[in-house]
Amino acid sequence: MKLKFFILLFLPLFCHAQTRSTIVDELLRQDNSGGKITINSDPMINELIGRPLAKTNSSGEVSMKLRGYRIQVFSGNQPQSRAEAEAKAREIKSLFPEIRTDVTYKAPIWRLRIGDFRTNEDATNFMKDLKRRYPSLGNEMNIVTDEIKVVF
C-alpha cells in the first residue's frame, strides 16, 4: 500500500520532469491575463526549436556546423584524380596539421577542400600563404562557400 501511495505521489513529478517545454509551448500556455496568442508556423520549425545546435564528440570537443568558406585546392575527373587529391591532402596536412582537409567525390568529380573559415577574408589570407608555399597549385585554388565545422 505504501509503495502504491509513493508511486502515485511521485509519478506526476517524474513525468513532468521528462517533458521539455519550448518557447512556443510557453507562449501558447493559457494564463489569467485574458490575452490570446496565436502562432502560425510550420510544424518542422516547432521540432527544431529547442534543439541544441552544438554537438559534443567522444573526446569532449564541442563543435557546430555553419555556412562558411573553404579553399578548393583540387578538382578532377580523371582515373588518377582520387590518388592526386589524397596526395595533395597529405602534403598540405604535413605543413598545416591544424587545417582540416577533405577529399570528397561527387560524381564524376574528386575534390580537395581545406580549412574552416568563417569569413572570406580569412580564407583569402590563408590562400595567399598557401599559394606562396605551393605555387604549382595557385591556378587551381579558389574559395568556395561550404559547410564548415567550428570548434569551441
C-alpha atoms as a PDB file:
ATOM      1  CA  MET A   1       0.000   0.000   0.000  1.00  0.00           C
ATOM      2  CA  LYS A   2       2.800   2.383   0.890  1.00  0.00           C
ATOM      3  CA  LEU A   3       4.514   1.612  -2.424  1.00  0.00           C
ATOM      4  CA  LYS A   4       1.355   2.435  -4.389  1.00  0.00           C
ATOM      5  CA  PHE A   5       0.966   5.693  -2.498  1.00  0.00           C
ATOM      6  CA  PHE A   6       4.627   6.578  -3.155  1.00  0.00           C
ATOM      7  CA  ILE A   7       4.274   5.828  -6.891  1.00  0.00           C
ATOM      8  CA  LEU A   8       1.056   7.815  -7.207  1.00  0.00           C
ATOM      9  CA  LEU A   9       2.598  10.749  -5.367  1.00  0.00           C
ATOM     10  CA  PHE A  10       5.841  10.998  -7.352  1.00  0.00           C
ATOM     11  CA  LEU A  11       4.836   9.668 -10.793  1.00  0.00           C
ATOM     12  CA  PRO A  12       3.384  13.006 -11.972  1.00  0.00           C
ATOM     13  CA  LEU A  13       6.558  14.812 -10.908  1.00  0.00           C
ATOM     14  CA  PHE A  14       8.746  12.296 -12.744  1.00  0.00           C
ATOM     15  CA  CYS A  15       6.659  12.516 -15.927  1.00  0.00           C
ATOM     16  CA  HIS A  16       6.697  16.310 -15.850  1.00  0.00           C
ATOM     17  CA  ALA A  17      10.491  16.345 -15.494  1.00  0.00           C
ATOM     18  CA  GLN A  18      10.812  14.244 -18.654  1.00  0.00           C
ATOM     19  CA  THR A  19       8.971  16.734 -20.896  1.00  0.00           C
ATOM     20  CA  ARG A  20      10.749  19.837 -22.128  1.00  0.00           C
ATOM     21  CA  SER A  21       8.748  22.891 -22.954  1.00  0.00           C
ATOM     22  CA  THR A  22       9.808  25.208 -25.742  1.00  0.00           C
ATOM     23  CA  ILE A  23       9.161  28.904 -26.203  1.00  0.00           C
ATOM     24  CA  VAL A  24       6.167  28.007 -28.387  1.00  0.00           C
ATOM     25  CA  ASP A  25       4.695  25.862 -25.599  1.00  0.00           C
ATOM     26  CA  GLU A  26       5.198  28.668 -23.095  1.00  0.00           C
ATOM     27  CA  LEU A  27       3.553  31.223 -25.369  1.00  0.00           C
ATOM     28  CA  LEU A  28       0.562  29.003 -26.047  1.00  0.00           C
ATOM     29  CA  ARG A  29       0.033  28.166 -22.383  1.00  0.00           C
ATOM     30  CA  GLN A  30      -3.130  29.795 -21.064  1.00  0.00           C
ATOM     31  CA  ASP A  31      -2.778  32.250 -18.224  1.00  0.00           C
ATOM     32  CA  ASN A  32      -5.099  34.568 -16.312  1.00  0.00           C
ATOM     33  CA  SER A  33      -4.158  37.740 -18.188  1.00  0.00           C
ATOM     34  CA  GLY A  34      -7.022  37.346 -20.656  1.00  0.00           C
ATOM     35  CA  GLY A  35      -4.791  37.740 -23.728  1.00  0.00           C
ATOM     36  CA  LYS A  36      -4.593  35.212 -26.516  1.00  0.00           C
ATOM     37  CA  ILE A  37      -1.561  34.316 -28.607  1.00  0.00           C
ATOM     38  CA  THR A  38      -1.837  32.556 -31.953  1.00  0.00           C
ATOM     39  CA  ILE A  39       1.239  31.166 -33.664  1.00  0.00           C
ATOM     40  CA  ASN A  40       1.056  30.097 -37.290  1.00  0.00           C
ATOM     41  CA  SER A  41       4.172  28.153 -38.205  1.00  0.00           C
ATOM     42  CA  ASP A  42       5.320  25.075 -39.997  1.00  0.00           C
ATOM     43  CA  PRO A  43       5.418  22.039 -37.653  1.00  0.00           C
ATOM     44  CA  MET A  44       9.013  21.400 -38.754  1.00  0.00           C
ATOM     45  CA  ILE A  45      10.042  24.724 -37.215  1.00  0.00           C
ATOM     46  CA  ASN A  46       8.456  23.714 -33.920  1.00  0.00           C
ATOM     47  CA  GLU A  47      10.511  20.499 -33.971  1.00  0.00           C
ATOM     48  CA  LEU A  48      13.740  22.457 -34.459  1.00  0.00           C
ATOM     49  CA  ILE A  49      13.097  24.942 -31.657  1.00  0.00           C
ATOM     50  CA  GLY A  50      14.957  23.986 -28.536  1.00  0.00           C
ATOM     51  CA  ARG A  51      17.327  21.530 -30.196  1.00  0.00           C
ATOM     52  CA  PRO A  52      20.968  22.092 -29.370  1.00  0.00           C
ATOM     53  CA  LEU A  53      22.997  23.402 -32.291  1.00  0.00           C
ATOM     54  CA  ALA A  54      26.368  22.349 -30.949  1.00  0.00           C
ATOM     55  CA  LYS A  55      27.461  18.727 -30.657  1.00  0.00           C
ATOM     56  CA  THR A  56      29.952  17.156 -28.285  1.00  0.00           C
ATOM     57  CA  ASN A  57      32.102  14.315 -29.580  1.00  0.00           C
ATOM     58  CA  SER A  58      33.577  11.425 -27.583  1.00  0.00           C
ATOM     59  CA  SER A  59      36.720  13.412 -26.691  1.00  0.00           C
ATOM     60  CA  GLY A  60      34.662  16.271 -25.227  1.00  0.00           C
ATOM     61  CA  GLU A  61      35.168  18.656 -28.167  1.00  0.00           C
ATOM     62  CA  VAL A  62      32.168  20.934 -28.712  1.00  0.00           C
ATOM     63  CA  SER A  63      31.505  21.940 -32.304  1.00  0.00           C
ATOM     64  CA  MET A  64      28.790  23.028 -34.667  1.00  0.00           C
ATOM     65  CA  LYS A  65      28.359  23.241 -38.420  1.00  0.00           C
ATOM     66  CA  LEU A  66      27.808  26.593 -40.079  1.00  0.00           C
ATOM     67  CA  ARG A  67      27.960  28.141 -43.530  1.00  0.00           C
ATOM     68  CA  GLY A  68      31.416  29.472 -44.185  1.00  0.00           C
ATOM     69  CA  TYR A  69      34.304  29.329 -46.607  1.00  0.00           C
ATOM     70  CA  ARG A  70      36.771  26.664 -47.656  1.00  0.00           C
ATOM     71  CA  ILE A  71      39.583  26.607 -50.174  1.00  0.00           C
ATOM     72  CA  GLN A  72      39.139  24.182 -53.022  1.00  0.00           C
ATOM     73  CA  VAL A  73      42.691  23.135 -53.824  1.00  0.00           C
ATOM     74  CA  PHE A  74      41.990  20.440 -56.400  1.00  0.00           C
ATOM     75  CA  SER A  75      39.210  19.013 -58.534  1.00  0.00           C
ATOM     76  CA  GLY A  76      39.428  16.413 -61.243  1.00  0.00           C
ATOM     77  CA  ASN A  77      37.522  13.685 -63.028  1.00  0.00           C
ATOM     78  CA  GLN A  78      40.376  11.578 -64.378  1.00  0.00           C
ATOM     79  CA  PRO A  79      41.048   7.989 -63.220  1.00  0.00           C
ATOM     80  CA  GLN A  80      44.050   9.162 -61.168  1.00  0.00           C
ATOM     81  CA  SER A  81      42.196  12.136 -59.597  1.00  0.00           C
ATOM     82  CA  ARG A  82      41.480  10.388 -56.304  1.00  0.00           C
ATOM     83  CA  ALA A  83      45.128   9.498 -55.727  1.00  0.00           C
ATOM     84  CA  GLU A  84      46.189  13.009 -56.731  1.00  0.00           C
ATOM     85  CA  ALA A  85      43.694  14.638 -54.336  1.00  0.00           C
ATOM     86  CA  GLU A  86      44.765  12.374 -51.461  1.00  0.00           C
ATOM     87  CA  ALA A  87      48.464  13.029 -52.123  1.00  0.00           C
ATOM     88  CA  LYS A  88      47.900  16.791 -52.102  1.00  0.00           C
ATOM     89  CA  ALA A  89      45.846  16.479 -48.905  1.00  0.00           C
ATOM     90  CA  ARG A  90      48.700  14.620 -47.162  1.00  0.00           C
ATOM     91  CA  GLU A  91      51.206  17.223 -48.366  1.00  0.00           C
ATOM     92  CA  ILE A  92      49.115  20.139 -47.111  1.00  0.00           C
ATOM     93  CA  LYS A  93      48.364  18.345 -43.813  1.00  0.00           C
ATOM     94  CA  SER A  94      52.104  17.866 -43.226  1.00  0.00           C
ATOM     95  CA  LEU A  95      52.667  21.640 -43.407  1.00  0.00           C
ATOM     96  CA  PHE A  96      49.410  22.687 -41.722  1.00  0.00           C
ATOM     97  CA  PRO A  97      48.386  19.914 -39.286  1.00  0.00           C
ATOM     98  CA  GLU A  98      45.690  22.096 -37.703  1.00  0.00           C
ATOM     99  CA  ILE A  99      43.856  22.609 -41.019  1.00  0.00           C
ATOM    100  CA  ARG A 100      41.028  20.222 -41.895  1.00  0.00           C
ATOM    101  CA  THR A 101      41.385  18.571 -45.308  1.00  0.00           C
ATOM    102  CA  ASP A 102      38.530  16.723 -47.020  1.00  0.00           C
ATOM    103  CA  VAL A 103      38.748  14.641 -50.165  1.00  0.00           C
ATOM    104  CA  THR A 104      35.228  14.123 -51.494  1.00  0.00           C
ATOM    105  CA  TYR A 105      33.665  12.514 -54.529  1.00  0.00           C
ATOM    106  CA  LYS A 106      30.519  13.818 -56.165  1.00  0.00           C
ATOM    107  CA  ALA A 107      30.135  12.032 -59.481  1.00  0.00           C
ATOM    108  CA  PRO A 108      32.135  12.477 -61.609  1.00  0.00           C
ATOM    109  CA  ILE A 109      34.495  14.847 -59.737  1.00  0.00           C
ATOM    110  CA  TRP A 110      37.020  14.323 -56.944  1.00  0.00           C
ATOM    111  CA  ARG A 111      37.615  17.437 -54.822  1.00  0.00           C
ATOM    112  CA  LEU A 112      40.078  18.502 -52.161  1.00  0.00           C
ATOM    113  CA  ARG A 113      38.811  21.257 -49.902  1.00  0.00           C
ATOM    114  CA  ILE A 114      40.703  22.589 -46.931  1.00  0.00           C
ATOM    115  CA  GLY A 115      40.089  24.794 -43.912  1.00  0.00           C
ATOM    116  CA  ASP A 116      37.079  26.049 -41.993  1.00  0.00           C
ATOM    117  CA  PHE A 117      36.968  29.814 -42.426  1.00  0.00           C
ATOM    118  CA  ARG A 118      34.176  31.971 -41.066  1.00  0.00           C
ATOM    119  CA  THR A 119      34.937  34.907 -43.358  1.00  0.00           C
ATOM    120  CA  ASN A 120      36.009  35.248 -46.957  1.00  0.00           C
ATOM    121  CA  GLU A 121      38.870  37.467 -45.778  1.00  0.00           C
ATOM    122  CA  ASP A 122      40.302  34.691 -43.565  1.00  0.00           C
ATOM    123  CA  ALA A 123      40.115  32.235 -46.452  1.00  0.00           C
ATOM    124  CA  THR A 124      41.755  34.729 -48.826  1.00  0.00           C
ATOM    125  CA  ASN A 125      44.646  35.385 -46.436  1.00  0.00           C
ATOM    126  CA  PHE A 126      45.274  31.677 -45.938  1.00  0.00           C
ATOM    127  CA  MET A 127      45.038  31.035 -49.682  1.00  0.00           C
ATOM    128  CA  LYS A 128      47.715  33.693 -50.330  1.00  0.00           C
ATOM    129  CA  ASP A 129      50.030  31.930 -47.865  1.00  0.00           C
ATOM    130  CA  LEU A 130      49.266  28.570 -49.467  1.00  0.00           C
ATOM    131  CA  LYS A 131      49.994  29.937 -52.955  1.00  0.00           C
ATOM    132  CA  ARG A 132      53.398  31.186 -51.754  1.00  0.00           C
ATOM    133  CA  ARG A 133      54.264  27.707 -50.445  1.00  0.00           C
ATOM    134  CA  TYR A 134      52.679  25.802 -53.362  1.00  0.00           C
ATOM    135  CA  PRO A 135      52.931  27.948 -56.494  1.00  0.00           C
ATOM    136  CA  SER A 136      52.011  24.943 -58.657  1.00  0.00           C
ATOM    137  CA  LEU A 137      48.521  24.867 -57.078  1.00  0.00           C
ATOM    138  CA  GLY A 138      47.949  28.594 -57.451  1.00  0.00           C
ATOM    139  CA  ASN A 139      45.920  28.486 -60.661  1.00  0.00           C
ATOM    140  CA  GLU A 140      43.682  25.722 -59.398  1.00  0.00           C
ATOM    141  CA  MET A 141      42.790  27.147 -55.964  1.00  0.00           C
ATOM    142  CA  ASN A 142      39.615  29.077 -55.330  1.00  0.00           C
ATOM    143  CA  ILE A 143      37.414  29.982 -52.377  1.00  0.00           C
ATOM    144  CA  VAL A 144      34.039  28.235 -52.128  1.00  0.00           C
ATOM    145  CA  THR A 145      31.078  28.596 -49.813  1.00  0.00           C
ATOM    146  CA  ASP A 146      30.604  25.371 -47.890  1.00  0.00           C
ATOM    147  CA  GLU A 147      29.553  23.889 -44.562  1.00  0.00           C
ATOM    148  CA  ILE A 148      32.309  24.380 -42.012  1.00  0.00           C
ATOM    149  CA  LYS A 149      32.954  22.898 -38.587  1.00  0.00           C
ATOM    150  CA  VAL A 150      33.503  25.461 -35.833  1.00  0.00           C
ATOM    151  CA  VAL A 151      35.113  24.132 -32.639  1.00  0.00           C
ATOM    152  CA  PHE A 152      34.561  25.896 -29.305  1.00  0.00           C
END
